[in-house]
C-alpha atoms as a PDB file:
ATOM      1  CA  MET A   1     152.130 203.518 117.813  1.00  0.00           C
ATOM      2  CA  LEU A   2     152.961 205.580 114.746  1.00  0.00           C
ATOM      3  CA  ARG A   3     156.409 206.305 116.144  1.00  0.00           C
ATOM      4  CA  HIS A   4     157.023 202.588 116.715  1.00  0.00           C
ATOM      5  CA  THR A   5     156.091 201.800 113.091  1.00  0.00           C
ATOM      6  CA  LEU A   6     158.366 204.519 111.681  1.00  0.00           C
ATOM      7  CA  GLN A   7     161.346 203.150 113.608  1.00  0.00           C
ATOM      8  CA  HIS A   8     161.030 199.715 111.942  1.00  0.00           C
ATOM      9  CA  ARG A   9     160.451 200.988 108.414  1.00  0.00           C
ATOM     10  CA  PRO A  10     164.202 201.217 107.466  1.00  0.00           C
ATOM     11  CA  LEU A  11     164.766 197.706 108.829  1.00  0.00           C
ATOM     12  CA  PHE A  12     161.823 196.381 106.813  1.00  0.00           C
ATOM     13  CA  ALA A  13     163.105 198.117 103.642  1.00  0.00           C
ATOM     14  CA  LEU A  14     166.557 196.582 104.169  1.00  0.00           C
ATOM     15  CA  PHE A  15     165.043 193.129 104.648  1.00  0.00           C
ATOM     16  CA  ALA A  16     162.859 193.511 101.518  1.00  0.00           C
ATOM     17  CA  ALA A  17     165.865 194.610  99.440  1.00  0.00           C
ATOM     18  CA  ALA A  18     167.938 191.631 100.662  1.00  0.00           C
ATOM     19  CA  ALA A  19     165.110 189.214  99.859  1.00  0.00           C
ATOM     20  CA  THR A  20     164.753 190.692  96.355  1.00  0.00           C
ATOM     21  CA  VAL A  21     168.496 190.363  95.670  1.00  0.00           C
ATOM     22  CA  ALA A  22     168.483 186.757  96.933  1.00  0.00           C
ATOM     23  CA  ALA A  23     165.477 185.874  94.758  1.00  0.00           C
ATOM     24  CA  LEU A  24     167.045 187.411  91.648  1.00  0.00           C
ATOM     25  CA  GLY A  25     170.353 185.676  92.379  1.00  0.00           C
ATOM     26  CA  ALA A  26     168.610 182.309  92.534  1.00  0.00           C
ATOM     27  CA  CYS A  27     167.320 182.826  88.981  1.00  0.00           C
ATOM     28  CA  SER A  28     170.740 183.383  87.431  1.00  0.00           C
ATOM     29  CA  PRO A  29     171.645 180.651  84.943  1.00  0.00           C
ATOM     30  CA  THR A  30     174.238 177.983  85.624  1.00  0.00           C
ATOM     31  CA  VAL A  31     176.742 177.899  82.766  1.00  0.00           C
ATOM     32  CA  ASP A  32     178.420 174.596  81.931  1.00  0.00           C
ATOM     33  CA  GLN A  33     181.376 174.526  79.512  1.00  0.00           C
ATOM     34  CA  ARG A  34     182.541 171.141  78.222  1.00  0.00           C
ATOM     35  CA  GLY A  35     185.527 170.709  75.966  1.00  0.00           C
ATOM     36  CA  ASN A  36     188.028 173.326  74.864  1.00  0.00           C
ATOM     37  CA  LEU A  37     188.390 174.592  71.339  1.00  0.00           C
ATOM     38  CA  PRO A  38     191.793 175.158  69.801  1.00  0.00           C
ATOM     39  CA  GLU A  39     192.779 178.771  69.280  1.00  0.00           C
ATOM     40  CA  PRO A  40     192.118 180.110  65.730  1.00  0.00           C
ATOM     41  CA  GLY A  41     195.876 180.513  65.118  1.00  0.00           C
ATOM     42  CA  LYS A  42     196.448 176.854  65.889  1.00  0.00           C
ATOM     43  CA  MET A  43     193.646 175.791  63.548  1.00  0.00           C
ATOM     44  CA  ALA A  44     195.276 177.831  60.764  1.00  0.00           C
ATOM     45  CA  ALA A  45     198.485 175.824  61.270  1.00  0.00           C
ATOM     46  CA  ILE A  46     196.722 172.642  60.113  1.00  0.00           C
ATOM     47  CA  GLN A  47     197.330 172.426  56.366  1.00  0.00           C
ATOM     48  CA  PRO A  48     195.473 169.802  54.302  1.00  0.00           C
ATOM     49  CA  GLY A  49     197.865 167.751  52.224  1.00  0.00           C
ATOM     50  CA  SER A  50     200.935 168.316  54.422  1.00  0.00           C
ATOM     51  CA  THR A  51     200.144 168.095  58.161  1.00  0.00           C
ATOM     52  CA  THR A  52     200.403 164.589  59.682  1.00  0.00           C
ATOM     53  CA  LYS A  53     198.534 163.028  62.615  1.00  0.00           C
ATOM     54  CA  GLU A  54     201.572 163.446  64.867  1.00  0.00           C
ATOM     55  CA  GLN A  55     201.784 167.143  64.013  1.00  0.00           C
ATOM     56  CA  VAL A  56     198.042 167.603  64.643  1.00  0.00           C
ATOM     57  CA  VAL A  57     198.451 166.115  68.139  1.00  0.00           C
ATOM     58  CA  LYS A  58     201.361 168.500  68.842  1.00  0.00           C
ATOM     59  CA  ILE A  59     199.396 171.518  67.586  1.00  0.00           C
ATOM     60  CA  LEU A  60     195.855 170.802  68.832  1.00  0.00           C
ATOM     61  CA  GLY A  61     196.314 168.081  71.441  1.00  0.00           C
ATOM     62  CA  THR A  62     194.402 164.824  71.570  1.00  0.00           C
ATOM     63  CA  PRO A  63     190.916 164.889  70.017  1.00  0.00           C
ATOM     64  CA  SER A  64     187.683 164.809  72.016  1.00  0.00           C
ATOM     65  CA  SER A  65     186.558 161.825  69.948  1.00  0.00           C
ATOM     66  CA  THR A  66     187.588 159.735  66.962  1.00  0.00           C
ATOM     67  CA  GLY A  67     185.654 157.867  64.276  1.00  0.00           C
ATOM     68  CA  VAL A  68     183.688 154.851  65.458  1.00  0.00           C
ATOM     69  CA  PHE A  69     184.907 152.307  62.903  1.00  0.00           C
ATOM     70  CA  ASN A  70     188.352 153.782  62.166  1.00  0.00           C
ATOM     71  CA  ASP A  71     190.421 156.720  63.322  1.00  0.00           C
ATOM     72  CA  SER A  72     190.516 158.563  59.977  1.00  0.00           C
ATOM     73  CA  SER A  73     188.384 161.391  61.459  1.00  0.00           C
ATOM     74  CA  TRP A  74     189.186 163.282  64.651  1.00  0.00           C
ATOM     75  CA  TYR A  75     186.655 165.519  66.409  1.00  0.00           C
ATOM     76  CA  TYR A  76     187.487 168.514  68.614  1.00  0.00           C
ATOM     77  CA  ILE A  77     184.234 169.368  70.411  1.00  0.00           C
ATOM     78  CA  SER A  78     183.193 172.243  72.665  1.00  0.00           C
ATOM     79  CA  ARG A  79     179.720 172.846  74.083  1.00  0.00           C
ATOM     80  CA  ARG A  80     178.295 175.522  76.379  1.00  0.00           C
ATOM     81  CA  THR A  81     174.906 175.145  78.070  1.00  0.00           C
ATOM     82  CA  GLU A  82     172.926 177.348  80.425  1.00  0.00           C
ATOM     83  CA  GLN A  83     170.346 176.111  82.904  1.00  0.00           C
ATOM     84  CA  VAL A  84     167.997 178.291  84.919  1.00  0.00           C
ATOM     85  CA  ALA A  85     166.653 176.725  88.112  1.00  0.00           C
ATOM     86  CA  PHE A  86     165.055 173.349  87.402  1.00  0.00           C
ATOM     87  CA  PHE A  87     164.455 173.870  83.666  1.00  0.00           C
ATOM     88  CA  HIS A  88     166.202 171.759  81.007  1.00  0.00           C
ATOM     89  CA  PRO A  89     169.625 173.073  79.968  1.00  0.00           C
ATOM     90  CA  GLU A  90     169.737 175.093  76.751  1.00  0.00           C
ATOM     91  CA  VAL A  91     172.684 174.821  74.345  1.00  0.00           C
ATOM     92  CA  THR A  92     174.018 178.353  73.817  1.00  0.00           C
ATOM     93  CA  ASP A  93     177.125 177.465  71.788  1.00  0.00           C
ATOM     94  CA  GLN A  94     178.537 174.348  70.197  1.00  0.00           C
ATOM     95  CA  GLN A  95     181.589 174.097  67.977  1.00  0.00           C
ATOM     96  CA  VAL A  96     182.991 170.965  66.317  1.00  0.00           C
ATOM     97  CA  PHE A  97     186.176 170.852  64.271  1.00  0.00           C
ATOM     98  CA  ILE A  98     186.517 167.690  62.179  1.00  0.00           C
ATOM     99  CA  VAL A  99     190.012 166.774  60.977  1.00  0.00           C
ATOM    100  CA  SER A 100     189.944 163.982  58.360  1.00  0.00           C
ATOM    101  CA  PHE A 101     193.032 161.996  57.375  1.00  0.00           C
ATOM    102  CA  ASP A 102     193.923 159.954  54.297  1.00  0.00           C
ATOM    103  CA  ASP A 103     195.366 156.414  54.312  1.00  0.00           C
ATOM    104  CA  LYS A 104     198.901 157.748  54.932  1.00  0.00           C
ATOM    105  CA  GLY A 105     197.888 159.752  58.028  1.00  0.00           C
ATOM    106  CA  VAL A 106     198.038 163.149  56.312  1.00  0.00           C
ATOM    107  CA  VAL A 107     195.265 165.724  56.824  1.00  0.00           C
ATOM    108  CA  ARG A 108     192.751 165.550  53.980  1.00  0.00           C
ATOM    109  CA  THR A 109     190.199 168.161  55.183  1.00  0.00           C
ATOM    110  CA  VAL A 110     189.381 170.378  58.156  1.00  0.00           C
ATOM    111  CA  ASN A 111     185.669 171.120  58.632  1.00  0.00           C
ATOM    112  CA  HIS A 112     183.810 173.251  61.149  1.00  0.00           C
ATOM    113  CA  LYS A 113     180.265 172.720  62.423  1.00  0.00           C
ATOM    114  CA  GLY A 114     178.363 175.069  64.706  1.00  0.00           C
ATOM    115  CA  VAL A 115     175.218 174.811  66.794  1.00  0.00           C
ATOM    116  CA  GLU A 116     173.183 175.879  63.756  1.00  0.00           C
ATOM    117  CA  ASP A 117     174.332 172.732  61.913  1.00  0.00           C
ATOM    118  CA  GLY A 118     172.868 170.416  64.554  1.00  0.00           C
ATOM    119  CA  ARG A 119     169.712 168.442  63.896  1.00  0.00           C
ATOM    120  CA  ALA A 120     167.206 167.014  66.332  1.00  0.00           C
ATOM    121  CA  ILE A 121     166.784 163.271  66.008  1.00  0.00           C
ATOM    122  CA  GLN A 122     163.888 161.125  67.109  1.00  0.00           C
ATOM    123  CA  PRO A 123     164.972 157.826  68.709  1.00  0.00           C
ATOM    124  CA  ALA A 124     163.225 154.728  67.433  1.00  0.00           C
ATOM    125  CA  PRO A 125     160.481 153.550  69.789  1.00  0.00           C
ATOM    126  CA  GLY A 126     160.799 150.236  71.593  1.00  0.00           C
ATOM    127  CA  ALA A 127     163.704 148.401  73.132  1.00  0.00           C
ATOM    128  CA  THR A 128     166.855 147.101  71.544  1.00  0.00           C
ATOM    129  CA  PRO A 129     167.014 143.318  71.862  1.00  0.00           C
ATOM    130  CA  ALA A 130     169.990 142.070  73.855  1.00  0.00           C
ATOM    131  CA  PRO A 131     171.896 138.956  72.842  1.00  0.00           C
ATOM    132  CA  GLY A 132     171.207 135.824  74.844  1.00  0.00           C
ATOM    133  CA  ARG A 133     168.283 133.636  75.652  1.00  0.00           C
ATOM    134  CA  GLU A 134     165.350 134.697  77.763  1.00  0.00           C
ATOM    135  CA  LEU A 135     164.636 132.159  80.500  1.00  0.00           C
ATOM    136  CA  THR A 136     161.130 131.494  81.711  1.00  0.00           C
ATOM    137  CA  PHE A 137     160.321 131.713  85.414  1.00  0.00           C
ATOM    138  CA  LEU A 138     160.293 127.900  85.720  1.00  0.00           C
ATOM    139  CA  GLU A 139     163.673 127.596  83.956  1.00  0.00           C
ATOM    140  CA  GLN A 140     165.160 130.145  86.360  1.00  0.00           C
ATOM    141  CA  ILE A 141     163.903 128.203  89.411  1.00  0.00           C
ATOM    142  CA  ILE A 142     165.096 124.840  88.091  1.00  0.00           C
ATOM    143  CA  GLY A 143     168.435 126.357  87.079  1.00  0.00           C
ATOM    144  CA  ASN A 144     169.147 127.336  90.692  1.00  0.00           C
ATOM    145  CA  VAL A 145     168.565 123.851  92.117  1.00  0.00           C
ATOM    146  CA  GLY A 146     171.833 122.485  93.444  1.00  0.00           C
ATOM    147  CA  ARG A 147     173.563 125.850  93.649  1.00  0.00           C
ATOM    148  CA  PHE A 148     172.924 126.290  97.347  1.00  0.00           C
ATOM    149  CA  ASN A 149     175.184 124.835 100.057  1.00  0.00           C
ATOM    150  CA  ARG A 150     173.296 123.014 102.822  1.00  0.00           C
ATOM    151  CA  GLY A 151     176.396 121.879 104.787  1.00  0.00           C
ATOM    152  CA  GLY A 152     177.077 125.232 106.444  1.00  0.00           C
ATOM    153  CA  GLY A 153     180.861 124.772 106.243  1.00  0.00           C
ATOM    154  CA  ARG A 154     183.032 127.403 104.669  1.00  0.00           C
ATOM    155  CA  VAL A 155     185.848 127.182 102.194  1.00  0.00           C
ATOM    156  CA  GLY A 156     189.317 127.911 103.610  1.00  0.00           C
ATOM    157  CA  ALA A 157     190.970 131.003 102.187  1.00  0.00           C
ATOM    158  CA  GLU A 158     194.467 129.613 101.673  1.00  0.00           C
ATOM    159  CA  SER A 159     193.894 125.955 100.911  1.00  0.00           C
ATOM    160  CA  GLY A 160     190.716 126.182  98.896  1.00  0.00           C
ATOM    161  CA  ARG A 161     189.346 123.136 100.740  1.00  0.00           C
ATOM    162  CA  ARG A 162     186.400 122.797 103.044  1.00  0.00           C
ATOM    163  CA  GLU A 163     186.857 123.540 106.734  1.00  0.00           C
ATOM    164  CA  GLY A 164     184.891 121.746 109.391  1.00  0.00           C
ATOM    165  CA  PRO A 165     184.522 118.091 110.335  1.00  0.00           C
ATOM    166  CA  SER A 166     185.858 115.761 107.701  1.00  0.00           C
ATOM    167  CA  PRO A 167     183.842 112.772 106.572  1.00  0.00           C
ATOM    168  CA  ASN A 168     186.490 110.338 107.856  1.00  0.00           C
ATOM    169  CA  GLY A 169     186.548 111.769 111.405  1.00  0.00           C
ATOM    170  CA  GLY A 170     189.827 113.721 111.314  1.00  0.00           C
ATOM    171  CA  ASN A 171     190.731 117.250 110.383  1.00  0.00           C
END
C-alpha cells in the first residue's frame, strides 16, 4: 500500500503544480488600449501661431474627436484599462492632447491632460424627456383601428396593385 502511494506522488505533485499555474493565469489582468498617442517628436512639431489644421492632420493624423458645437478644438485621446476577472475595469493611463485653433485655422494652443486631471461626475437622477406626445392606452388602441387588412390579398411587387379577384370579376 505504501509503495502504491509513493508511485503516484510525483504525478499528484505535477497535477497540483499545473492547477496552480492555471489558477494564477486566470487572475492575470486583461489590458485594453484604446486610441494611439502621437509620438513626442511629432507633438513638438506643432507650433502655436504658425501650424495650420492641414499641417496638424499631416503630422498627427485625424483627431479622435472634435468640439461638439464647432471644430475649433481637436482631441487626441488614448486610454489604457486593466480588468481582472469579473471586476470593473480600472483606468491605468489616460492621455488627452487638445489642439485649439483660431478663426483662421491656425493652432492657438496645445494642451495636455492626464488621468490625474479627470474628475468623477454624478449623472442627474431621473429620465430625460423625449420630444413627442405620450399617447394613452385608449388612444393607442383607437389609433390602430383601420390599419389592419381583412381582405387577405397581397400587394403585387412590380405593379403596386392588389392581386386576387377583382371587384368587377376579371383579373
